[in-house]
Amino acid sequence: MPTKKTSPDLNKLDRVVAEARRDREERERGYRERALKMYPWVCGRCAREFTLANVRELTVHHRDHNHDNNPADGSNWELLCLYCHDNEHQRYLTADLTAKDKAGARQDGNTTFKAFAGLGDLLKGGK
């Protein structure tokens, strides 16, 4: 007898996704509002100043990259403009990739490749 396939409840999935987005936005609003009250509206990297007209371009960066770490004293936050914030995350990703590359590198720092190993013989033979 064939088994009946059940399809996922898309309404339930939509509700879960919407609730997760709403919770994230609420959490972000909370720490963003607190950070904007705590700190001057200046980018912590490029020192660009912001006003009410362009404060939407000022973001809250989590120093430890953990968006759930929001201490009341704001010690894990810094205000960065959109550009510096993107740059900071790119640097973080690049550092992570570089660390993975170095993990497989030789630990003694010595290489086995000798770029000019046969150069002397080539020069002597050409005379």
Protein backbone atom coordinates (compact mmCIF):
# COMPACT_ATOMS: atom_id res chain seq x y z
CA MET A 1 0.00 0.00 0.00
CA PRO A 2 1.56 3.37 -0.97
CA THR A 3 2.38 5.76 1.83
CA LYS A 4 0.90 9.20 1.80
CA LYS A 5 3.49 11.97 1.51
CA THR A 6 2.95 14.90 3.79
CA SER A 7 3.96 18.30 2.63
CA PRO A 8 5.39 20.80 5.09
CA ASP A 9 2.91 23.19 6.59
CA LEU A 10 3.89 26.33 4.68
CA ASN A 11 1.67 28.53 6.81
CA LYS A 12 3.46 27.35 9.94
CA LEU A 13 6.87 27.84 8.27
CA ASP A 14 5.89 31.36 7.20
CA ARG A 15 4.79 32.16 10.75
CA VAL A 16 8.04 30.85 12.23
CA VAL A 17 10.15 32.84 9.76
CA ALA A 18 8.10 36.00 10.31
CA GLU A 19 8.39 35.61 14.08
CA ALA A 20 12.15 35.10 13.88
CA ARG A 21 12.53 38.21 11.71
CA ARG A 22 10.33 40.24 14.04
CA ASP A 23 12.34 39.09 17.07
CA ARG A 24 15.63 39.95 15.36
CA GLU A 25 14.39 43.38 14.32
CA GLU A 26 13.12 44.06 17.83
CA ARG A 27 16.43 42.97 19.36
CA GLU A 28 18.36 45.12 16.87
CA ARG A 29 16.15 48.14 17.55
CA GLY A 30 16.76 47.72 21.24
CA TYR A 31 20.55 47.71 21.17
CA ARG A 32 20.72 50.20 18.31
CA GLU A 33 18.59 52.73 20.19
CA ARG A 34 20.66 52.23 23.33
CA ALA A 35 23.95 52.58 21.43
CA LEU A 36 22.77 55.77 19.71
CA LYS A 37 21.88 57.24 23.12
CA MET A 38 25.20 56.15 24.66
CA TYR A 39 27.71 57.13 22.03
CA PRO A 40 28.28 60.23 19.91
CA TRP A 41 27.04 59.86 16.35
CA VAL A 42 30.52 59.48 14.88
CA CYS A 43 31.96 56.51 13.02
CA GLY A 44 34.52 54.78 15.22
CA ARG A 45 36.83 54.18 12.23
CA CYS A 46 36.66 57.08 9.78
CA ALA A 47 35.33 59.71 12.25
CA ARG A 48 32.51 60.74 9.90
CA GLU A 49 29.87 62.67 11.84
CA PHE A 50 26.16 61.94 11.53
CA THR A 51 23.01 63.96 12.03
CA LEU A 52 19.36 63.05 12.29
CA ALA A 53 19.16 63.29 8.49
CA ASN A 54 21.71 60.52 7.87
CA VAL A 55 21.90 58.54 11.13
CA ARG A 56 20.35 55.56 9.31
CA GLU A 57 23.82 55.09 7.74
CA LEU A 58 25.37 54.61 11.19
CA THR A 59 25.38 50.99 12.32
CA VAL A 60 26.10 49.16 15.55
CA HIS A 61 29.05 46.79 15.25
CA HIS A 62 29.52 43.99 17.77
CA ARG A 63 33.21 43.87 18.63
CA ASP A 64 33.14 40.13 19.29
CA HIS A 65 30.87 39.51 16.24
CA ASN A 66 28.22 37.96 18.51
CA HIS A 67 24.92 39.75 17.92
CA ASP A 68 23.43 38.18 21.02
CA ASN A 69 26.11 39.68 23.30
CA ASN A 70 24.52 43.00 24.23
CA PRO A 71 25.71 44.06 27.69
CA ALA A 72 23.86 46.98 29.23
CA ASP A 73 27.05 49.07 29.39
CA GLY A 74 27.51 48.83 25.60
CA SER A 75 31.05 47.48 25.94
CA ASN A 76 30.57 45.11 22.99
CA TRP A 77 29.35 47.82 20.62
CA GLU A 78 30.88 50.50 18.48
CA LEU A 79 29.17 52.77 16.00
CA LEU A 80 30.46 52.42 12.45
CA CYS A 81 29.28 53.89 9.18
CA LEU A 82 27.98 51.42 6.61
CA TYR A 83 31.26 51.40 4.70
CA CYS A 84 33.53 50.87 7.70
CA HIS A 85 31.15 48.22 9.05
CA ASP A 86 31.31 46.28 5.78
CA ASN A 87 35.09 46.67 5.77
CA GLU A 88 35.35 45.39 9.34
CA HIS A 89 33.37 42.25 8.52
CA GLN A 90 35.40 41.69 5.36
CA ARG A 91 38.61 41.96 7.40
CA TYR A 92 37.19 39.47 9.90
CA LEU A 93 36.36 37.00 7.12
CA THR A 94 39.75 37.48 5.48
CA ALA A 95 41.55 36.92 8.77
CA ASP A 96 39.54 33.76 9.32
CA LEU A 97 40.43 32.45 5.86
CA THR A 98 44.08 33.39 6.31
CA ALA A 99 44.21 31.55 9.64
CA LYS A 100 42.86 28.43 7.94
CA ASP A 101 45.52 28.73 5.20
CA LYS A 102 48.27 29.09 7.79
CA ALA A 103 47.02 26.08 9.70
CA GLY A 104 48.39 23.79 6.97
CA ALA A 105 51.65 25.70 6.53
CA ARG A 106 55.03 24.40 7.70
CA GLN A 107 55.56 25.30 11.31
CA ASP A 108 59.38 25.56 11.16
CA GLY A 109 59.27 28.41 8.63
CA ASN A 110 61.80 26.67 6.34
CA THR A 111 60.91 26.05 2.74
CA THR A 112 62.13 23.23 0.56
CA PHE A 113 61.80 25.05 -2.74
CA LYS A 114 65.01 26.65 -4.05
CA ALA A 115 64.12 29.07 -6.82
CA PHE A 116 67.72 29.55 -8.07
CA ALA A 117 69.10 26.07 -7.35
CA GLY A 118 70.32 25.35 -10.88
CA LEU A 119 71.12 28.92 -11.92
CA GLY A 120 74.89 28.65 -11.29
CA ASP A 121 75.20 25.58 -13.50
CA LEU A 122 73.17 27.25 -16.24
CA LEU A 123 75.37 30.34 -16.17
CA LYS A 124 78.61 28.28 -16.27
CA GLY A 125 77.36 26.15 -19.15
CA GLY A 126 76.43 29.17 -21.24
CA LYS A 127 80.03 30.52 -21.46
